[in-house]
Amino acid sequence: MPPVTRTAKFAVYFKGLDRKVLEGKEGLWYQLARSQGEITRAANQVLSALYLVKTGALSHPLKEGKLVPMKTLAWAPFRQKDPWVPFGDPVYTPGRAALAAGNLTELAGLIYTRLEEDFKDIRKGKQTLPTFRTVPLPIRADCIKITRDKDDLQIAVSLWAGRGQPRVMLSPVLGRREHAQRDILERVASGVYKHGSAKMYKDDRSKKWMLSLSWTGNVAEVEGDRVAGVDLGLITTATVAYTTTAGEEA
């Protein structure tokens, strides 16, 4: 059976940091929220610029006499040197610290994919140009390191650009019922599974910081041909019916 790629989502806390480091306008939580706002504004501007280029309302940049590919153009506003400035001013203007280039390439990929998926429906009038309400902090795979520290799993993420920038140390918050996700992280830490990129964001409801991590690994195929269906009802709490993959009652 070929490897599968899935996503694990769980809450995280900031390992080894007290509230003096986390809270306030100089704290890490504020910096993370500010970075989310900065990339959300930038993403919406880049998305609009790419749409205008595709429709011919904005001139398509050239390089060596050839049109710059749209995927490359999605990254161009985030370049440190000679960025593309579609509306006259820089699109990405971080306040205290810029995201690392690798993480910004993840953001550019998200913007490009969003436009490509929706463009046909936009042109047909089935929907309007989408906007990002909040963009999670993108983290490229090589900016993530998952290890085991004694009895705890530890996730180190590199967010900021520049040498000497400290990694943000995270620990997953996994309850008793989240044993499957714990098992996935254990396998990633041991090298059985490989992790991909991640997204970090603050959940509006729980007010907790969350990490959405992609992973790839070989999953054992279930033996047998029986499947179960569960019907949740108002009178009867749950009804379970079994059948085979051939459609025969079991």
Protein backbone atom coordinates (compact mmCIF):
# COMPACT_ATOMS: atom_id res chain seq x y z
CA MET A 1 0.00 0.00 0.00
CA PRO A 2 1.52 3.39 -0.98
CA PRO A 3 2.25 6.00 1.73
CA VAL A 4 -0.60 8.33 2.68
CA THR A 5 -0.41 12.01 3.54
CA ARG A 6 -2.68 13.39 6.22
CA THR A 7 -2.89 16.34 8.61
CA ALA A 8 -2.82 16.28 12.40
CA LYS A 9 -4.25 19.26 14.29
CA PHE A 10 -3.71 19.91 17.98
CA ALA A 11 -3.27 22.67 20.55
CA VAL A 12 0.22 23.69 21.64
CA TYR A 13 1.76 25.52 24.56
CA PHE A 14 5.02 27.43 24.65
CA LYS A 15 7.52 25.29 26.46
CA GLY A 16 9.77 26.93 29.03
CA LEU A 17 8.35 30.45 28.65
CA ASP A 18 6.69 32.33 31.50
CA ARG A 19 3.96 34.94 31.12
CA LYS A 20 6.42 37.85 31.22
CA VAL A 21 7.87 36.60 27.95
CA LEU A 22 4.51 35.74 26.39
CA GLU A 23 2.25 38.64 27.37
CA GLY A 24 2.25 42.36 26.59
CA LYS A 25 3.16 44.33 23.48
CA GLU A 26 6.72 43.05 23.68
CA GLY A 27 5.61 39.46 24.23
CA LEU A 28 5.66 36.50 21.89
CA TRP A 29 1.88 36.19 21.66
CA TYR A 30 1.57 39.78 20.43
CA GLN A 31 4.35 39.27 17.90
CA LEU A 32 2.69 36.13 16.53
CA ALA A 33 -0.69 37.87 16.24
CA ARG A 34 0.95 40.89 14.60
CA SER A 35 2.72 38.66 12.07
CA GLN A 36 -0.60 37.02 11.24
CA GLY A 37 -2.11 40.43 10.54
CA GLU A 38 0.84 41.44 8.37
CA ILE A 39 0.75 38.35 6.19
CA THR A 40 -3.06 38.44 5.95
CA ARG A 41 -2.96 41.97 4.56
CA ALA A 42 -0.13 41.02 2.21
CA ALA A 43 -1.88 37.86 1.02
CA ASN A 44 -5.04 39.74 0.11
CA GLN A 45 -3.10 42.36 -1.84
CA VAL A 46 -1.10 39.74 -3.72
CA LEU A 47 -4.25 37.76 -4.48
CA SER A 48 -5.88 40.89 -5.94
CA ALA A 49 -2.75 41.70 -7.97
CA LEU A 50 -2.55 38.21 -9.45
CA TYR A 51 -6.22 38.35 -10.42
CA LEU A 52 -5.73 41.70 -12.17
CA VAL A 53 -2.73 40.29 -14.03
CA LYS A 54 -4.71 37.24 -15.18
CA THR A 55 -7.55 39.44 -16.42
CA GLY A 56 -5.23 41.89 -18.15
CA ALA A 57 -6.14 44.84 -15.91
CA LEU A 58 -2.57 44.98 -14.59
CA SER A 59 0.53 44.59 -16.73
CA HIS A 60 2.21 41.21 -16.51
CA PRO A 61 5.85 41.60 -15.37
CA LEU A 62 8.55 40.37 -17.74
CA LYS A 63 11.92 38.79 -17.11
CA GLU A 64 14.39 38.57 -20.00
CA GLY A 65 11.54 39.33 -22.38
CA LYS A 66 9.30 36.51 -21.09
CA LEU A 67 6.22 36.62 -18.89
CA VAL A 68 7.00 35.75 -15.28
CA PRO A 69 5.09 32.53 -14.36
CA MET A 70 2.13 33.17 -12.08
CA LYS A 71 3.50 30.88 -9.40
CA THR A 72 6.75 32.85 -9.36
CA LEU A 73 4.80 36.10 -9.38
CA ALA A 74 2.98 35.05 -6.21
CA TRP A 75 6.35 34.97 -4.44
CA ALA A 76 7.79 38.12 -6.02
CA PRO A 77 6.21 40.67 -3.58
CA PHE A 78 7.92 38.90 -0.64
CA ARG A 79 11.46 39.08 -2.03
CA GLN A 80 13.91 41.06 0.08
CA LYS A 81 15.74 42.34 -2.98
CA ASP A 82 13.81 44.07 -5.77
CA PRO A 83 10.31 42.89 -4.77
CA TRP A 84 7.38 43.19 -7.15
CA VAL A 85 5.34 46.26 -6.14
CA PRO A 86 2.04 45.94 -8.03
CA PHE A 87 0.27 48.89 -6.37
CA GLY A 88 3.12 51.35 -5.91
CA ASP A 89 4.09 50.45 -2.34
CA PRO A 90 5.66 47.29 -0.87
CA VAL A 91 3.06 44.65 -0.10
CA TYR A 92 4.82 42.95 2.82
CA THR A 93 6.12 45.43 5.42
CA PRO A 94 6.78 43.56 8.66
CA GLY A 95 7.05 45.64 11.80
CA ARG A 96 9.52 44.05 14.21
CA ALA A 97 10.50 40.87 12.41
CA ALA A 98 9.94 39.29 9.02
CA LEU A 99 9.02 35.67 8.51
CA ALA A 100 11.81 33.45 7.20
CA ALA A 101 12.00 33.20 3.41
CA GLY A 102 11.09 29.52 3.47
CA ASN A 103 7.89 30.26 5.38
CA LEU A 104 7.01 33.05 2.96
CA THR A 105 7.32 30.63 0.04
CA GLU A 106 4.67 28.49 1.76
CA LEU A 107 2.47 31.59 1.93
CA ALA A 108 3.03 32.32 -1.76
CA GLY A 109 2.00 28.77 -2.61
CA LEU A 110 -1.21 29.17 -0.60
CA ILE A 111 -2.08 32.39 -2.46
CA TYR A 112 -1.36 30.87 -5.88
CA THR A 113 -3.42 27.75 -5.14
CA ARG A 114 -6.37 29.79 -3.91
CA LEU A 115 -6.47 31.85 -7.10
CA GLU A 116 -6.10 28.86 -9.42
CA GLU A 117 -8.90 26.98 -7.68
CA ASP A 118 -11.37 29.88 -7.80
CA PHE A 119 -10.46 31.74 -10.98
CA LYS A 120 -12.81 29.93 -13.37
CA ASP A 121 -15.84 30.43 -11.11
CA ILE A 122 -14.90 34.08 -10.64
CA ARG A 123 -14.78 34.68 -14.39
CA LYS A 124 -18.14 32.95 -14.81
CA GLY A 125 -19.68 35.18 -12.15
CA LYS A 126 -20.41 32.30 -9.80
CA GLN A 127 -18.40 33.89 -6.99
CA THR A 128 -16.49 37.03 -6.16
CA LEU A 129 -12.75 37.31 -5.70
CA PRO A 130 -12.06 35.59 -2.38
CA THR A 131 -10.25 37.24 0.49
CA PHE A 132 -8.38 35.74 3.40
CA ARG A 133 -10.00 36.53 6.73
CA THR A 134 -6.98 35.32 8.68
CA VAL A 135 -3.93 33.59 7.28
CA PRO A 136 -2.22 31.08 9.59
CA LEU A 137 1.50 31.45 10.08
CA PRO A 138 3.01 29.14 7.43
CA ILE A 139 5.96 26.97 8.48
CA ARG A 140 7.96 25.09 5.86
CA ALA A 141 8.94 21.50 6.60
CA ASP A 142 12.65 22.26 7.00
CA CYS A 143 11.78 24.89 9.62
CA ILE A 144 10.27 22.23 11.90
CA LYS A 145 12.02 19.74 14.14
CA ILE A 146 10.11 17.20 16.25
CA THR A 147 11.98 15.38 19.01
CA ARG A 148 11.35 13.60 22.28
CA ASP A 149 12.60 15.26 25.47
CA LYS A 150 12.42 12.62 28.20
CA ASP A 151 8.68 12.05 28.60
CA ASP A 152 7.57 15.00 26.47
CA LEU A 153 7.29 15.57 22.74
CA GLN A 154 8.90 18.80 21.64
CA ILE A 155 8.33 20.78 18.42
CA ALA A 156 10.88 23.45 17.49
CA VAL A 157 9.81 25.85 14.75
CA SER A 158 11.89 28.54 13.03
CA LEU A 159 9.62 31.46 12.21
CA TRP A 160 11.74 34.57 11.79
CA ALA A 161 14.30 35.66 9.21
CA GLY A 162 17.89 36.44 10.13
CA ARG A 163 20.72 34.52 11.71
CA GLY A 164 20.63 33.96 15.43
CA GLN A 165 16.84 34.10 15.67
CA PRO A 166 15.71 31.66 18.38
CA ARG A 167 13.38 28.83 17.56
CA VAL A 168 9.96 28.81 19.16
CA MET A 169 9.65 25.73 21.36
CA LEU A 170 6.21 24.13 21.38
CA SER A 171 4.71 21.15 23.15
CA PRO A 172 1.52 19.46 21.95
CA VAL A 173 -1.52 19.47 24.23
CA LEU A 174 -3.02 16.02 23.81
CA GLY A 175 -5.81 14.67 25.98
CA ARG A 176 -6.64 11.07 26.72
CA ARG A 177 -8.84 10.75 23.65
CA GLU A 178 -6.15 12.07 21.33
CA HIS A 179 -4.00 8.95 21.48
CA ALA A 180 -4.04 8.65 17.67
CA GLN A 181 -2.40 12.04 17.22
CA ARG A 182 0.10 11.28 19.94
CA ASP A 183 0.98 8.07 18.13
CA ILE A 184 1.50 10.01 14.89
CA LEU A 185 3.84 12.49 16.57
CA GLU A 186 5.73 9.66 18.24
CA ARG A 187 6.28 8.05 14.84
CA VAL A 188 7.40 11.35 13.35
CA ALA A 189 9.85 11.91 16.21
CA SER A 190 11.27 8.40 15.76
CA GLY A 191 11.56 8.75 11.99
CA VAL A 192 8.89 6.19 11.07
CA TYR A 193 6.72 8.93 9.56
CA LYS A 194 7.91 12.10 7.82
CA HIS A 195 6.42 15.47 8.58
CA GLY A 196 5.68 18.13 6.00
CA SER A 197 4.81 21.79 6.37
CA ALA A 198 2.63 23.21 9.13
CA LYS A 199 0.30 26.10 9.90
CA MET A 200 0.14 27.86 13.25
CA TYR A 201 -2.82 29.99 14.33
CA LYS A 202 -4.91 31.07 17.31
CA ASP A 203 -8.33 29.44 17.49
CA ASP A 204 -11.07 32.07 17.83
CA ARG A 205 -13.28 29.92 20.04
CA SER A 206 -10.85 28.25 22.42
CA LYS A 207 -8.30 31.11 22.35
CA LYS A 208 -5.61 28.43 22.16
CA TRP A 209 -2.71 28.36 19.73
CA MET A 210 -3.07 25.47 17.31
CA LEU A 211 -0.68 23.66 15.00
CA SER A 212 -1.85 21.90 11.84
CA LEU A 213 0.93 19.53 10.75
CA SER A 214 1.03 17.42 7.59
CA TRP A 215 2.64 14.00 7.76
CA THR A 216 3.35 11.09 5.42
CA GLY A 217 3.71 7.43 6.29
CA ASN A 218 2.75 3.86 5.55
CA VAL A 219 -0.56 2.93 7.15
CA ALA A 220 -1.47 -0.72 7.54
CA GLU A 221 -4.44 -1.76 5.44
CA VAL A 222 -7.41 -3.00 7.43
CA GLU A 223 -7.95 -6.73 7.03
CA GLY A 224 -11.35 -8.15 6.23
CA ASP A 225 -14.31 -6.72 4.35
CA ARG A 226 -16.64 -5.65 7.18
CA VAL A 227 -17.55 -1.99 7.60
CA ALA A 228 -19.76 -0.32 10.20
CA GLY A 229 -22.19 2.55 9.82
CA VAL A 230 -23.35 4.60 12.80
CA ASP A 231 -26.68 6.46 12.80
CA LEU A 232 -27.02 9.08 15.55
CA GLY A 233 -30.71 9.63 16.31
CA LEU A 234 -32.89 11.68 18.65
CA ILE A 235 -34.71 8.76 20.28
CA THR A 236 -32.09 6.05 19.98
CA THR A 237 -28.68 7.45 20.81
CA ALA A 238 -26.86 5.37 18.24
CA THR A 239 -27.61 2.51 15.88
CA VAL A 240 -24.75 0.49 14.43
CA ALA A 241 -25.14 -1.62 11.28
CA TYR A 242 -22.49 -3.89 9.80
CA THR A 243 -22.07 -4.86 6.18
CA THR A 244 -19.39 -6.17 3.86
CA THR A 245 -17.68 -4.24 1.10
CA ALA A 246 -19.76 -6.30 -1.32
CA GLY A 247 -22.95 -4.88 0.18
CA GLU A 248 -24.02 -8.02 2.03
CA GLU A 249 -25.31 -7.78 5.59
CA ALA A 250 -22.86 -9.09 8.15
